[in-house]
Amino acid sequence: MFKPQYVYIEEQALDYDLGRQLRDRFLREKVPIKMLKSNRVTGLPTNNVVERQRQGKNSLVISVRRSLKFQTCKPSAHYQLPLVTGCMGNCEYCYLQTRFSKQPFTKIYVNIDKILDKAQWYIEEREGITIFEGAAVSDPIPVEEYTQALAKSIEFFAANERARFTFVTKYDDVDSLLKLSHNRHTRIRFSLNLPSIIKKYEHRTPSLAKRIAAAQKLLKHDYPLGFIIAPIILKHGWQKNYGALLDQLAENFKESSSQIVLEIISHRFTLKAKDIILALHPDTELPLDESDRKFKYGQFGYGKYVYPKEKIKTMEEFFQNKVAEMGDNWSIKYII
């Protein structure tokens, strides 16, 4: 669970029961609170990017979600479900480092009911089943004790035959979700990597073993599961090491009778991301040499440095062959 050192509360958030409850809680816990007249956060350091990041990652913002226009969310879902913005984690390669470099705090919203009402509107606008992603710009698990946003969403989607919910996390605080009525309409995915990579780059996150243990708890309560293995870093010995990770998953989830979905994502970076990573983590050992990569334009109009086609092809063949050996209940949604 995220235990903030600083709390910012938008004045309008106190119009909601949740906003008032959280204010009273943090007053009791003697966490410094700063009131905001708008949803613009002030008071973070501005001159030192490392200090700004440190304070931001230890800050919680309690706000009202104003924009209820949902963004699309390919390839994991049709739409983002904006429950939380930002993350307490400090993974060096996370794209949130780039997207929220000037706003490195976690922001929660007190008007969850209105967000779910808007989700219902999107469901009725489409034919067929509409899928919503609850962690496109966040990891909602560390703040679930404060918001109960995931619990409300899981129960909302459980009662809706024309919608499904999914979210991804690196955290293991899942006990509050175990006894919810989910109707198997929510797929919970865990972001995994090699233990050495988690230790080196995924600061302030649980170990691989803890993530797997959390996923096993959810499996016992009949939640559909998935795993994102990312980013795949193609350095010496990667086939042996990622093969061992897949073997570990196959062994730990051999009792699963339902489909477990894998998403495989290779390491890539933009020049903007590289500059931010080097500013925040000047001693990083991430492979950020453009000469080893191929420049490729992405779906959002900007370019990324990705592994060359031959390396991606080798990676694809490796994961396809390895997952085929794991059994019929394992499938790959995509490899990129």
C-alpha atoms as a PDB file:
ATOM      1  CA  MET A   1       0.000   0.000   0.000  1.00  0.00           C
ATOM      2  CA  PHE A   2       1.160   3.509  -0.819  1.00  0.00           C
ATOM      3  CA  LYS A   3       1.805   5.584   2.307  1.00  0.00           C
ATOM      4  CA  PRO A   4       2.282   9.153   1.085  1.00  0.00           C
ATOM      5  CA  GLN A   5       4.532  11.658   2.809  1.00  0.00           C
ATOM      6  CA  TYR A   6       2.609  14.568   1.270  1.00  0.00           C
ATOM      7  CA  VAL A   7      -1.081  14.943   0.403  1.00  0.00           C
ATOM      8  CA  TYR A   8      -2.664  17.540  -1.882  1.00  0.00           C
ATOM      9  CA  ILE A   9      -6.441  17.939  -1.825  1.00  0.00           C
ATOM     10  CA  GLU A  10      -8.415  19.859  -4.400  1.00  0.00           C
ATOM     11  CA  GLU A  11     -11.043  21.937  -2.605  1.00  0.00           C
ATOM     12  CA  GLN A  12     -13.824  20.606  -4.843  1.00  0.00           C
ATOM     13  CA  ALA A  13     -12.956  17.051  -3.739  1.00  0.00           C
ATOM     14  CA  LEU A  14     -14.408  17.903  -0.327  1.00  0.00           C
ATOM     15  CA  ASP A  15     -17.855  18.063  -1.943  1.00  0.00           C
ATOM     16  CA  TYR A  16     -17.682  14.245  -2.003  1.00  0.00           C
ATOM     17  CA  ASP A  17     -17.862  11.853   0.949  1.00  0.00           C
ATOM     18  CA  LEU A  18     -14.661  10.128  -0.134  1.00  0.00           C
ATOM     19  CA  GLY A  19     -12.763  13.422  -0.268  1.00  0.00           C
ATOM     20  CA  ARG A  20     -13.813  14.329   3.266  1.00  0.00           C
ATOM     21  CA  GLN A  21     -13.056  10.832   4.576  1.00  0.00           C
ATOM     22  CA  LEU A  22      -9.562  10.893   3.124  1.00  0.00           C
ATOM     23  CA  ARG A  23      -8.890  14.395   4.469  1.00  0.00           C
ATOM     24  CA  ASP A  24      -9.893  13.253   7.955  1.00  0.00           C
ATOM     25  CA  ARG A  25      -7.799  10.100   7.662  1.00  0.00           C
ATOM     26  CA  PHE A  26      -4.622  11.913   6.700  1.00  0.00           C
ATOM     27  CA  LEU A  27      -5.211  14.528   9.405  1.00  0.00           C
ATOM     28  CA  ARG A  28      -5.374  11.697  11.962  1.00  0.00           C
ATOM     29  CA  GLU A  29      -2.215  10.175  10.513  1.00  0.00           C
ATOM     30  CA  LYS A  30      -0.505  13.591  10.674  1.00  0.00           C
ATOM     31  CA  VAL A  31       0.450  13.579   6.998  1.00  0.00           C
ATOM     32  CA  PRO A  32       1.100  17.150   5.752  1.00  0.00           C
ATOM     33  CA  ILE A  33      -1.871  18.358   3.669  1.00  0.00           C
ATOM     34  CA  LYS A  34      -1.936  21.203   1.181  1.00  0.00           C
ATOM     35  CA  MET A  35      -5.276  22.424  -0.143  1.00  0.00           C
ATOM     36  CA  LEU A  36      -5.541  23.296  -3.847  1.00  0.00           C
ATOM     37  CA  LYS A  37      -8.001  25.759  -5.347  1.00  0.00           C
ATOM     38  CA  SER A  38      -7.887  23.913  -8.679  1.00  0.00           C
ATOM     39  CA  ASN A  39      -6.670  20.568 -10.021  1.00  0.00           C
ATOM     40  CA  ARG A  40      -3.252  22.125 -10.676  1.00  0.00           C
ATOM     41  CA  VAL A  41      -0.669  20.921  -8.171  1.00  0.00           C
ATOM     42  CA  THR A  42       1.718  23.528  -6.821  1.00  0.00           C
ATOM     43  CA  GLY A  43       4.546  23.291  -4.328  1.00  0.00           C
ATOM     44  CA  LEU A  44       6.749  20.611  -5.865  1.00  0.00           C
ATOM     45  CA  PRO A  45      10.418  21.535  -6.407  1.00  0.00           C
ATOM     46  CA  THR A  46      10.899  23.083  -9.833  1.00  0.00           C
ATOM     47  CA  ASN A  47      14.651  23.438 -10.315  1.00  0.00           C
ATOM     48  CA  ASN A  48      15.951  19.984  -9.403  1.00  0.00           C
ATOM     49  CA  VAL A  49      14.364  17.216 -11.475  1.00  0.00           C
ATOM     50  CA  VAL A  50      15.602  14.444  -9.184  1.00  0.00           C
ATOM     51  CA  GLU A  51      14.197  16.142  -6.072  1.00  0.00           C
ATOM     52  CA  ARG A  52      10.947  16.890  -7.887  1.00  0.00           C
ATOM     53  CA  GLN A  53      10.674  13.219  -8.812  1.00  0.00           C
ATOM     54  CA  ARG A  54      11.434  12.098  -5.254  1.00  0.00           C
ATOM     55  CA  GLN A  55       8.800  14.348  -3.688  1.00  0.00           C
ATOM     56  CA  GLY A  56       6.274  13.659  -6.436  1.00  0.00           C
ATOM     57  CA  LYS A  57       6.611   9.899  -6.051  1.00  0.00           C
ATOM     58  CA  ASN A  58       5.860  10.332  -2.341  1.00  0.00           C
ATOM     59  CA  SER A  59       2.810  12.557  -2.954  1.00  0.00           C
ATOM     60  CA  LEU A  60      -0.874  11.700  -3.236  1.00  0.00           C
ATOM     61  CA  VAL A  61      -3.305  14.086  -4.941  1.00  0.00           C
ATOM     62  CA  ILE A  62      -7.016  13.813  -4.162  1.00  0.00           C
ATOM     63  CA  SER A  63      -8.979  15.321  -7.020  1.00  0.00           C
ATOM     64  CA  VAL A  64     -12.166  15.387  -9.090  1.00  0.00           C
ATOM     65  CA  ARG A  65     -11.976  13.866 -12.563  1.00  0.00           C
ATOM     66  CA  ARG A  66     -13.266  16.559 -14.903  1.00  0.00           C
ATOM     67  CA  SER A  67     -12.768  15.081 -18.341  1.00  0.00           C
ATOM     68  CA  LEU A  68     -15.046  12.104 -18.839  1.00  0.00           C
ATOM     69  CA  LYS A  69     -13.998  11.560 -22.418  1.00  0.00           C
ATOM     70  CA  PHE A  70     -12.338   8.144 -22.413  1.00  0.00           C
ATOM     71  CA  GLN A  71      -9.226   7.594 -24.502  1.00  0.00           C
ATOM     72  CA  THR A  72      -8.862   4.537 -26.721  1.00  0.00           C
ATOM     73  CA  CYS A  73      -6.546   1.851 -25.410  1.00  0.00           C
ATOM     74  CA  LYS A  74      -5.173  -0.523 -28.030  1.00  0.00           C
ATOM     75  CA  PRO A  75      -4.154  -3.314 -27.908  1.00  0.00           C
ATOM     76  CA  SER A  76      -5.389  -4.268 -24.413  1.00  0.00           C
ATOM     77  CA  ALA A  77      -8.914  -2.774 -24.547  1.00  0.00           C
ATOM     78  CA  HIS A  78     -11.339  -0.496 -26.368  1.00  0.00           C
ATOM     79  CA  TYR A  79     -11.150   2.339 -23.817  1.00  0.00           C
ATOM     80  CA  GLN A  80      -9.184   3.506 -20.824  1.00  0.00           C
ATOM     81  CA  LEU A  81     -11.126   3.650 -17.557  1.00  0.00           C
ATOM     82  CA  PRO A  82      -9.556   6.650 -15.762  1.00  0.00           C
ATOM     83  CA  LEU A  83      -9.584   5.536 -12.116  1.00  0.00           C
ATOM     84  CA  VAL A  84      -6.091   6.706 -11.104  1.00  0.00           C
ATOM     85  CA  THR A  85      -3.310   8.709 -12.741  1.00  0.00           C
ATOM     86  CA  GLY A  86       0.370   8.126 -11.986  1.00  0.00           C
ATOM     87  CA  CYS A  87       2.177   5.524  -9.911  1.00  0.00           C
ATOM     88  CA  MET A  88       4.237   5.341  -6.727  1.00  0.00           C
ATOM     89  CA  GLY A  89       6.686   2.996  -8.458  1.00  0.00           C
ATOM     90  CA  ASN A  90       9.867   4.300 -10.010  1.00  0.00           C
ATOM     91  CA  CYS A  91      10.666   1.895 -12.848  1.00  0.00           C
ATOM     92  CA  GLU A  92      13.432   3.385 -14.955  1.00  0.00           C
ATOM     93  CA  TYR A  93      11.983   2.332 -18.306  1.00  0.00           C
ATOM     94  CA  CYS A  94       8.304   3.028 -17.597  1.00  0.00           C
ATOM     95  CA  TYR A  95       6.658   5.318 -20.136  1.00  0.00           C
ATOM     96  CA  LEU A  96       4.968   7.156 -17.259  1.00  0.00           C
ATOM     97  CA  GLN A  97       8.422   8.578 -16.503  1.00  0.00           C
ATOM     98  CA  THR A  98       8.115  10.425 -19.792  1.00  0.00           C
ATOM     99  CA  ARG A  99       4.407  11.179 -19.805  1.00  0.00           C
ATOM    100  CA  PHE A 100       4.322  12.502 -16.242  1.00  0.00           C
ATOM    101  CA  SER A 101       7.862  13.791 -15.838  1.00  0.00           C
ATOM    102  CA  LYS A 102       6.498  17.179 -14.723  1.00  0.00           C
ATOM    103  CA  GLN A 103       3.679  15.604 -12.692  1.00  0.00           C
ATOM    104  CA  PRO A 104       5.318  12.607 -10.995  1.00  0.00           C
ATOM    105  CA  PHE A 105       2.634  12.192  -8.335  1.00  0.00           C
ATOM    106  CA  THR A 106      -0.234   9.727  -7.957  1.00  0.00           C
ATOM    107  CA  LYS A 107      -3.670  11.285  -8.423  1.00  0.00           C
ATOM    108  CA  ILE A 108      -6.869   9.584  -7.282  1.00  0.00           C
ATOM    109  CA  TYR A 109     -10.419  10.659  -8.071  1.00  0.00           C
ATOM    110  CA  VAL A 110     -13.348  10.952  -5.692  1.00  0.00           C
ATOM    111  CA  ASN A 111     -16.093  10.867  -8.349  1.00  0.00           C
ATOM    112  CA  ILE A 112     -15.727   7.177  -9.282  1.00  0.00           C
ATOM    113  CA  ASP A 113     -19.514   6.785  -9.637  1.00  0.00           C
ATOM    114  CA  LYS A 114     -19.596   9.413 -12.393  1.00  0.00           C
ATOM    115  CA  ILE A 115     -16.690   7.711 -14.164  1.00  0.00           C
ATOM    116  CA  LEU A 116     -18.587   4.409 -14.124  1.00  0.00           C
ATOM    117  CA  ASP A 117     -21.753   6.151 -15.323  1.00  0.00           C
ATOM    118  CA  LYS A 118     -19.738   7.355 -18.310  1.00  0.00           C
ATOM    119  CA  ALA A 119     -18.470   3.822 -18.892  1.00  0.00           C
ATOM    120  CA  GLN A 120     -22.092   2.719 -19.127  1.00  0.00           C
ATOM    121  CA  TRP A 121     -22.661   5.357 -21.793  1.00  0.00           C
ATOM    122  CA  TYR A 122     -19.745   3.974 -23.843  1.00  0.00           C
ATOM    123  CA  ILE A 123     -21.091   0.433 -23.436  1.00  0.00           C
ATOM    124  CA  GLU A 124     -24.465   1.460 -24.813  1.00  0.00           C
ATOM    125  CA  GLU A 125     -22.850   3.300 -27.749  1.00  0.00           C
ATOM    126  CA  ARG A 126     -21.134   0.166 -29.057  1.00  0.00           C
ATOM    127  CA  GLU A 127     -22.363  -3.175 -30.298  1.00  0.00           C
ATOM    128  CA  GLY A 128     -20.932  -6.324 -28.791  1.00  0.00           C
ATOM    129  CA  ILE A 129     -18.698  -6.478 -25.719  1.00  0.00           C
ATOM    130  CA  THR A 130     -16.738  -3.364 -24.736  1.00  0.00           C
ATOM    131  CA  ILE A 131     -13.461  -3.834 -22.833  1.00  0.00           C
ATOM    132  CA  PHE A 132     -12.086  -1.207 -20.445  1.00  0.00           C
ATOM    133  CA  GLU A 133      -8.469  -0.919 -19.237  1.00  0.00           C
ATOM    134  CA  GLY A 134      -8.114   0.346 -15.663  1.00  0.00           C
ATOM    135  CA  ALA A 135      -4.330   0.862 -15.574  1.00  0.00           C
ATOM    136  CA  ALA A 136      -3.368   2.576 -18.821  1.00  0.00           C
ATOM    137  CA  VAL A 137      -1.748   5.526 -17.024  1.00  0.00           C
ATOM    138  CA  SER A 138      -1.365   4.169 -13.515  1.00  0.00           C
ATOM    139  CA  ASP A 139      -1.072   1.223 -11.191  1.00  0.00           C
ATOM    140  CA  PRO A 140      -4.278   1.368  -9.143  1.00  0.00           C
ATOM    141  CA  ILE A 141      -3.474  -1.388  -6.637  1.00  0.00           C
ATOM    142  CA  PRO A 142      -1.258   0.633  -4.230  1.00  0.00           C
ATOM    143  CA  VAL A 143      -4.046   3.197  -3.647  1.00  0.00           C
ATOM    144  CA  GLU A 144      -6.994   0.799  -3.617  1.00  0.00           C
ATOM    145  CA  GLU A 145      -7.342   1.032   0.166  1.00  0.00           C
ATOM    146  CA  TYR A 146      -8.002   4.769  -0.233  1.00  0.00           C
ATOM    147  CA  THR A 147     -10.307   4.673  -3.257  1.00  0.00           C
ATOM    148  CA  GLN A 148     -11.993   1.251  -3.499  1.00  0.00           C
ATOM    149  CA  ALA A 149     -12.104   2.192  -7.196  1.00  0.00           C
ATOM    150  CA  LEU A 150     -11.161  -1.292  -8.367  1.00  0.00           C
ATOM    151  CA  ALA A 151     -13.715  -2.945  -6.096  1.00  0.00           C
ATOM    152  CA  LYS A 152     -16.481  -0.678  -7.386  1.00  0.00           C
ATOM    153  CA  SER A 153     -15.405  -1.256 -10.970  1.00  0.00           C
ATOM    154  CA  ILE A 154     -15.129  -5.039 -10.629  1.00  0.00           C
ATOM    155  CA  GLU A 155     -18.649  -5.254  -9.184  1.00  0.00           C
ATOM    156  CA  PHE A 156     -19.976  -2.812 -11.794  1.00  0.00           C
ATOM    157  CA  PHE A 157     -18.640  -4.929 -14.666  1.00  0.00           C
ATOM    158  CA  ALA A 158     -19.682  -8.187 -13.003  1.00  0.00           C
ATOM    159  CA  ALA A 159     -23.306  -7.111 -13.457  1.00  0.00           C
ATOM    160  CA  ASN A 160     -22.860  -6.110 -17.106  1.00  0.00           C
ATOM    161  CA  GLU A 161     -22.974  -8.782 -19.799  1.00  0.00           C
ATOM    162  CA  ARG A 162     -21.880  -6.360 -22.518  1.00  0.00           C
ATOM    163  CA  ALA A 163     -18.638  -5.222 -20.898  1.00  0.00           C
ATOM    164  CA  ARG A 164     -15.400  -6.558 -19.499  1.00  0.00           C
ATOM    165  CA  PHE A 165     -12.732  -4.993 -17.296  1.00  0.00           C
ATOM    166  CA  THR A 166      -8.985  -5.531 -17.173  1.00  0.00           C
ATOM    167  CA  PHE A 167      -6.048  -3.919 -15.437  1.00  0.00           C
ATOM    168  CA  VAL A 168      -2.367  -4.613 -14.945  1.00  0.00           C
ATOM    169  CA  THR A 169      -0.275  -4.255 -11.796  1.00  0.00           C
ATOM    170  CA  LYS A 170       3.183  -4.879 -10.377  1.00  0.00           C
ATOM    171  CA  TYR A 171       1.885  -4.906  -6.803  1.00  0.00           C
ATOM    172  CA  ASP A 172       0.646  -7.678  -4.557  1.00  0.00           C
ATOM    173  CA  ASP A 173      -1.948  -5.953  -2.304  1.00  0.00           C
ATOM    174  CA  VAL A 174      -4.856  -7.928  -3.730  1.00  0.00           C
ATOM    175  CA  ASP A 175      -6.559  -9.276  -0.597  1.00  0.00           C
ATOM    176  CA  SER A 176      -9.383  -6.720  -0.740  1.00  0.00           C
ATOM    177  CA  LEU A 177     -10.362  -8.053  -4.190  1.00  0.00           C
ATOM    178  CA  LEU A 178     -10.543 -11.736  -3.331  1.00  0.00           C
ATOM    179  CA  LYS A 179     -14.124 -12.017  -2.103  1.00  0.00           C
ATOM    180  CA  LEU A 180     -15.742  -9.642  -4.583  1.00  0.00           C
ATOM    181  CA  SER A 181     -18.467 -10.823  -6.927  1.00  0.00           C
ATOM    182  CA  HIS A 182     -16.620 -10.545 -10.251  1.00  0.00           C
ATOM    183  CA  ASN A 183     -18.547 -13.012 -12.461  1.00  0.00           C
ATOM    184  CA  ARG A 184     -15.242 -13.643 -14.310  1.00  0.00           C
ATOM    185  CA  HIS A 185     -15.740 -10.329 -16.130  1.00  0.00           C
ATOM    186  CA  THR A 186     -12.455  -8.880 -14.829  1.00  0.00           C
ATOM    187  CA  ARG A 187      -9.065 -10.117 -16.018  1.00  0.00           C
ATOM    188  CA  ILE A 188      -6.206  -9.095 -13.728  1.00  0.00           C
ATOM    189  CA  ARG A 189      -2.762  -9.061 -15.327  1.00  0.00           C
ATOM    190  CA  PHE A 190       0.613  -8.864 -13.642  1.00  0.00           C
ATOM    191  CA  SER A 191       3.614  -7.166 -15.186  1.00  0.00           C
ATOM    192  CA  LEU A 192       6.636  -9.442 -14.781  1.00  0.00           C
ATOM    193  CA  ASN A 193      10.283  -9.557 -15.679  1.00  0.00           C
ATOM    194  CA  LEU A 194      13.430 -11.388 -14.700  1.00  0.00           C
ATOM    195  CA  PRO A 195      14.332 -11.051 -10.989  1.00  0.00           C
ATOM    196  CA  SER A 196      17.628  -9.370 -11.918  1.00  0.00           C
ATOM    197  CA  ILE A 197      15.832  -6.775 -14.060  1.00  0.00           C
ATOM    198  CA  ILE A 198      13.180  -6.097 -11.409  1.00  0.00           C
ATOM    199  CA  LYS A 199      15.888  -5.557  -8.790  1.00  0.00           C
ATOM    200  CA  LYS A 200      17.968  -3.298 -11.030  1.00  0.00           C
ATOM    201  CA  TYR A 201      15.295  -1.168 -12.714  1.00  0.00           C
ATOM    202  CA  GLU A 202      11.882  -1.514 -11.024  1.00  0.00           C
ATOM    203  CA  HIS A 203      12.427   0.544  -7.889  1.00  0.00           C
ATOM    204  CA  ARG A 204       9.769   0.551  -5.144  1.00  0.00           C
ATOM    205  CA  THR A 205       7.966  -2.523  -6.487  1.00  0.00           C
ATOM    206  CA  PRO A 206       7.480  -6.048  -5.083  1.00  0.00           C
ATOM    207  CA  SER A 207       9.628  -8.987  -6.125  1.00  0.00           C
ATOM    208  CA  LEU A 208       8.707 -11.473  -8.827  1.00  0.00           C
ATOM    209  CA  ALA A 209       7.884 -14.059  -6.150  1.00  0.00           C
ATOM    210  CA  LYS A 210       5.395 -11.735  -4.452  1.00  0.00           C
ATOM    211  CA  ARG A 211       3.678 -10.922  -7.747  1.00  0.00           C
ATOM    212  CA  ILE A 212       3.323 -14.608  -8.592  1.00  0.00           C
ATOM    213  CA  ALA A 213       1.961 -15.327  -5.103  1.00  0.00           C
ATOM    214  CA  ALA A 214      -0.632 -12.561  -5.532  1.00  0.00           C
ATOM    215  CA  ALA A 215      -1.674 -14.002  -8.905  1.00  0.00           C
ATOM    216  CA  GLN A 216      -2.072 -17.443  -7.298  1.00  0.00           C
ATOM    217  CA  LYS A 217      -4.443 -15.945  -4.706  1.00  0.00           C
ATOM    218  CA  LEU A 218      -6.580 -14.465  -7.473  1.00  0.00           C
ATOM    219  CA  LEU A 219      -6.607 -17.739  -9.386  1.00  0.00           C
ATOM    220  CA  LYS A 220      -8.013 -19.506  -6.313  1.00  0.00           C
ATOM    221  CA  HIS A 221     -10.871 -16.993  -6.379  1.00  0.00           C
ATOM    222  CA  ASP A 222     -11.561 -17.726 -10.062  1.00  0.00           C
ATOM    223  CA  TYR A 223     -10.328 -14.462 -11.585  1.00  0.00           C
ATOM    224  CA  PRO A 224      -9.176 -14.694 -15.208  1.00  0.00           C
ATOM    225  CA  LEU A 225      -5.440 -13.982 -15.278  1.00  0.00           C
ATOM    226  CA  GLY A 226      -2.860 -12.566 -17.619  1.00  0.00           C
ATOM    227  CA  PHE A 227       0.811 -11.669 -17.544  1.00  0.00           C
ATOM    228  CA  ILE A 228       2.688  -8.919 -19.339  1.00  0.00           C
ATOM    229  CA  ILE A 229       6.358  -9.777 -19.736  1.00  0.00           C
ATOM    230  CA  ALA A 230       8.005  -6.452 -20.367  1.00  0.00           C
ATOM    231  CA  PRO A 231      10.253  -5.004 -21.368  1.00  0.00           C
ATOM    232  CA  ILE A 232      12.147  -7.895 -22.913  1.00  0.00           C
ATOM    233  CA  ILE A 233      15.817  -6.881 -22.874  1.00  0.00           C
ATOM    234  CA  LEU A 234      17.725  -8.899 -25.444  1.00  0.00           C
ATOM    235  CA  LYS A 235      21.105  -9.268 -23.819  1.00  0.00           C
ATOM    236  CA  HIS A 236      23.377 -12.308 -23.536  1.00  0.00           C
ATOM    237  CA  GLY A 237      21.526 -15.290 -22.113  1.00  0.00           C
ATOM    238  CA  TRP A 238      18.053 -13.828 -22.580  1.00  0.00           C
ATOM    239  CA  GLN A 239      16.586 -17.040 -24.034  1.00  0.00           C
ATOM    240  CA  LYS A 240      17.735 -19.137 -21.107  1.00  0.00           C
ATOM    241  CA  ASN A 241      16.569 -16.566 -18.556  1.00  0.00           C
ATOM    242  CA  TYR A 242      13.146 -15.827 -20.046  1.00  0.00           C
ATOM    243  CA  GLY A 243      12.702 -19.542 -20.687  1.00  0.00           C
ATOM    244  CA  ALA A 244      13.227 -20.140 -16.952  1.00  0.00           C
ATOM    245  CA  LEU A 245      10.631 -17.454 -16.173  1.00  0.00           C
ATOM    246  CA  LEU A 246       8.068 -19.150 -18.430  1.00  0.00           C
ATOM    247  CA  ASP A 247       8.866 -22.516 -16.846  1.00  0.00           C
ATOM    248  CA  GLN A 248       8.226 -20.947 -13.440  1.00  0.00           C
ATOM    249  CA  LEU A 249       4.851 -19.620 -14.597  1.00  0.00           C
ATOM    250  CA  ALA A 250       3.871 -22.979 -16.093  1.00  0.00           C
ATOM    251  CA  GLU A 251       4.718 -24.746 -12.834  1.00  0.00           C
ATOM    252  CA  ASN A 252       3.001 -22.231 -10.548  1.00  0.00           C
ATOM    253  CA  PHE A 253      -0.209 -22.133 -12.575  1.00  0.00           C
ATOM    254  CA  LYS A 254      -0.477 -25.736 -13.744  1.00  0.00           C
ATOM    255  CA  GLU A 255      -3.745 -26.059 -11.810  1.00  0.00           C
ATOM    256  CA  SER A 256      -5.423 -23.375 -13.918  1.00  0.00           C
ATOM    257  CA  SER A 257      -8.239 -24.702 -16.065  1.00  0.00           C
ATOM    258  CA  SER A 258      -8.949 -21.341 -17.728  1.00  0.00           C
ATOM    259  CA  GLN A 259      -7.035 -19.427 -20.354  1.00  0.00           C
ATOM    260  CA  ILE A 260      -4.049 -17.366 -19.171  1.00  0.00           C
ATOM    261  CA  VAL A 261      -3.082 -14.650 -21.641  1.00  0.00           C
ATOM    262  CA  LEU A 262       0.460 -13.388 -22.211  1.00  0.00           C
ATOM    263  CA  GLU A 263       1.496 -10.031 -23.657  1.00  0.00           C
ATOM    264  CA  ILE A 264       5.136  -9.834 -24.744  1.00  0.00           C
ATOM    265  CA  ILE A 265       6.724  -6.404 -25.205  1.00  0.00           C
ATOM    266  CA  SER A 266      10.311  -5.775 -26.278  1.00  0.00           C
ATOM    267  CA  HIS A 267      12.322  -2.875 -24.881  1.00  0.00           C
ATOM    268  CA  ARG A 268      12.059   0.349 -26.865  1.00  0.00           C
ATOM    269  CA  PHE A 269      12.616   4.037 -26.152  1.00  0.00           C
ATOM    270  CA  THR A 270      12.168   7.510 -27.571  1.00  0.00           C
ATOM    271  CA  LEU A 271      14.846  10.201 -27.474  1.00  0.00           C
ATOM    272  CA  LYS A 272      12.659  12.190 -25.083  1.00  0.00           C
ATOM    273  CA  ALA A 273      12.393   9.170 -22.800  1.00  0.00           C
ATOM    274  CA  LYS A 274      16.148   8.645 -22.960  1.00  0.00           C
ATOM    275  CA  ASP A 275      16.813  12.242 -21.904  1.00  0.00           C
ATOM    276  CA  ILE A 276      14.388  11.972 -18.983  1.00  0.00           C
ATOM    277  CA  ILE A 277      15.751   8.585 -17.877  1.00  0.00           C
ATOM    278  CA  LEU A 278      19.326   9.883 -17.912  1.00  0.00           C
ATOM    279  CA  ALA A 279      18.305  12.997 -15.963  1.00  0.00           C
ATOM    280  CA  LEU A 280      16.488  10.990 -13.289  1.00  0.00           C
ATOM    281  CA  HIS A 281      18.827   7.974 -13.257  1.00  0.00           C
ATOM    282  CA  PRO A 282      22.252   9.189 -14.435  1.00  0.00           C
ATOM    283  CA  ASP A 283      23.882   5.874 -13.512  1.00  0.00           C
ATOM    284  CA  THR A 284      21.321   3.729 -15.340  1.00  0.00           C
ATOM    285  CA  GLU A 285      22.513   0.606 -17.099  1.00  0.00           C
ATOM    286  CA  LEU A 286      19.553   0.477 -19.474  1.00  0.00           C
ATOM    287  CA  PRO A 287      20.572  -0.199 -23.097  1.00  0.00           C
ATOM    288  CA  LEU A 288      19.903   3.201 -24.679  1.00  0.00           C
ATOM    289  CA  ASP A 289      22.321   3.244 -27.603  1.00  0.00           C
ATOM    290  CA  GLU A 290      20.461   4.275 -30.770  1.00  0.00           C
ATOM    291  CA  SER A 291      23.082   2.609 -32.971  1.00  0.00           C
ATOM    292  CA  ASP A 292      21.906  -0.806 -31.752  1.00  0.00           C
ATOM    293  CA  ARG A 293      18.294  -0.103 -32.699  1.00  0.00           C
ATOM    294  CA  LYS A 294      16.040   0.676 -35.621  1.00  0.00           C
ATOM    295  CA  PHE A 295      13.991   3.866 -35.727  1.00  0.00           C
ATOM    296  CA  LYS A 296      10.296   3.217 -36.197  1.00  0.00           C
ATOM    297  CA  TYR A 297       7.290   5.524 -36.233  1.00  0.00           C
ATOM    298  CA  GLY A 298       4.565   4.527 -33.773  1.00  0.00           C
ATOM    299  CA  GLN A 299       0.769   4.723 -33.911  1.00  0.00           C
ATOM    300  CA  PHE A 300       0.738   8.064 -32.077  1.00  0.00           C
ATOM    301  CA  GLY A 301       2.883   9.891 -34.599  1.00  0.00           C
ATOM    302  CA  TYR A 302       6.245   9.867 -32.874  1.00  0.00           C
ATOM    303  CA  GLY A 303       9.215   7.573 -33.387  1.00  0.00           C
ATOM    304  CA  LYS A 304      10.807   4.949 -31.173  1.00  0.00           C
ATOM    305  CA  TYR A 305      14.077   3.080 -31.206  1.00  0.00           C
ATOM    306  CA  VAL A 306      13.247  -0.639 -31.340  1.00  0.00           C
ATOM    307  CA  TYR A 307      15.267  -3.793 -31.846  1.00  0.00           C
ATOM    308  CA  PRO A 308      16.057  -4.647 -35.502  1.00  0.00           C
ATOM    309  CA  LYS A 309      13.633  -6.919 -37.346  1.00  0.00           C
ATOM    310  CA  GLU A 310      15.887  -9.973 -37.188  1.00  0.00           C
ATOM    311  CA  LYS A 311      16.121  -9.752 -33.388  1.00  0.00           C
ATOM    312  CA  ILE A 312      12.369  -9.254 -33.060  1.00  0.00           C
ATOM    313  CA  LYS A 313      11.760 -12.262 -35.308  1.00  0.00           C
ATOM    314  CA  THR A 314      14.068 -14.391 -33.153  1.00  0.00           C
ATOM    315  CA  MET A 315      12.246 -13.176 -30.038  1.00  0.00           C
ATOM    316  CA  GLU A 316       8.832 -13.934 -31.553  1.00  0.00           C
ATOM    317  CA  GLU A 317       9.826 -17.456 -32.548  1.00  0.00           C
ATOM    318  CA  PHE A 318      11.309 -18.139 -29.130  1.00  0.00           C
ATOM    319  CA  PHE A 319       8.211 -17.077 -27.189  1.00  0.00           C
ATOM    320  CA  GLN A 320       5.781 -18.735 -29.607  1.00  0.00           C
ATOM    321  CA  ASN A 321       7.624 -22.055 -29.370  1.00  0.00           C
ATOM    322  CA  LYS A 322       8.102 -21.869 -25.611  1.00  0.00           C
ATOM    323  CA  VAL A 323       4.493 -20.944 -24.850  1.00  0.00           C
ATOM    324  CA  ALA A 324       3.258 -23.751 -27.120  1.00  0.00           C
ATOM    325  CA  GLU A 325       5.048 -26.157 -24.776  1.00  0.00           C
ATOM    326  CA  MET A 326       3.283 -24.724 -21.696  1.00  0.00           C
ATOM    327  CA  GLY A 327      -0.119 -26.226 -22.461  1.00  0.00           C
ATOM    328  CA  ASP A 328      -3.431 -25.371 -24.070  1.00  0.00           C
ATOM    329  CA  ASN A 329      -4.463 -22.949 -21.306  1.00  0.00           C
ATOM    330  CA  TRP A 330      -1.659 -20.530 -22.229  1.00  0.00           C
ATOM    331  CA  SER A 331      -1.962 -18.131 -25.168  1.00  0.00           C
ATOM    332  CA  ILE A 332      -0.170 -15.060 -26.507  1.00  0.00           C
ATOM    333  CA  LYS A 333      -2.271 -11.986 -27.218  1.00  0.00           C
ATOM    334  CA  TYR A 334       0.522 -10.155 -29.027  1.00  0.00           C
ATOM    335  CA  ILE A 335       4.296  -9.852 -29.305  1.00  0.00           C
ATOM    336  CA  ILE A 336       5.758  -6.458 -30.154  1.00  0.00           C
END
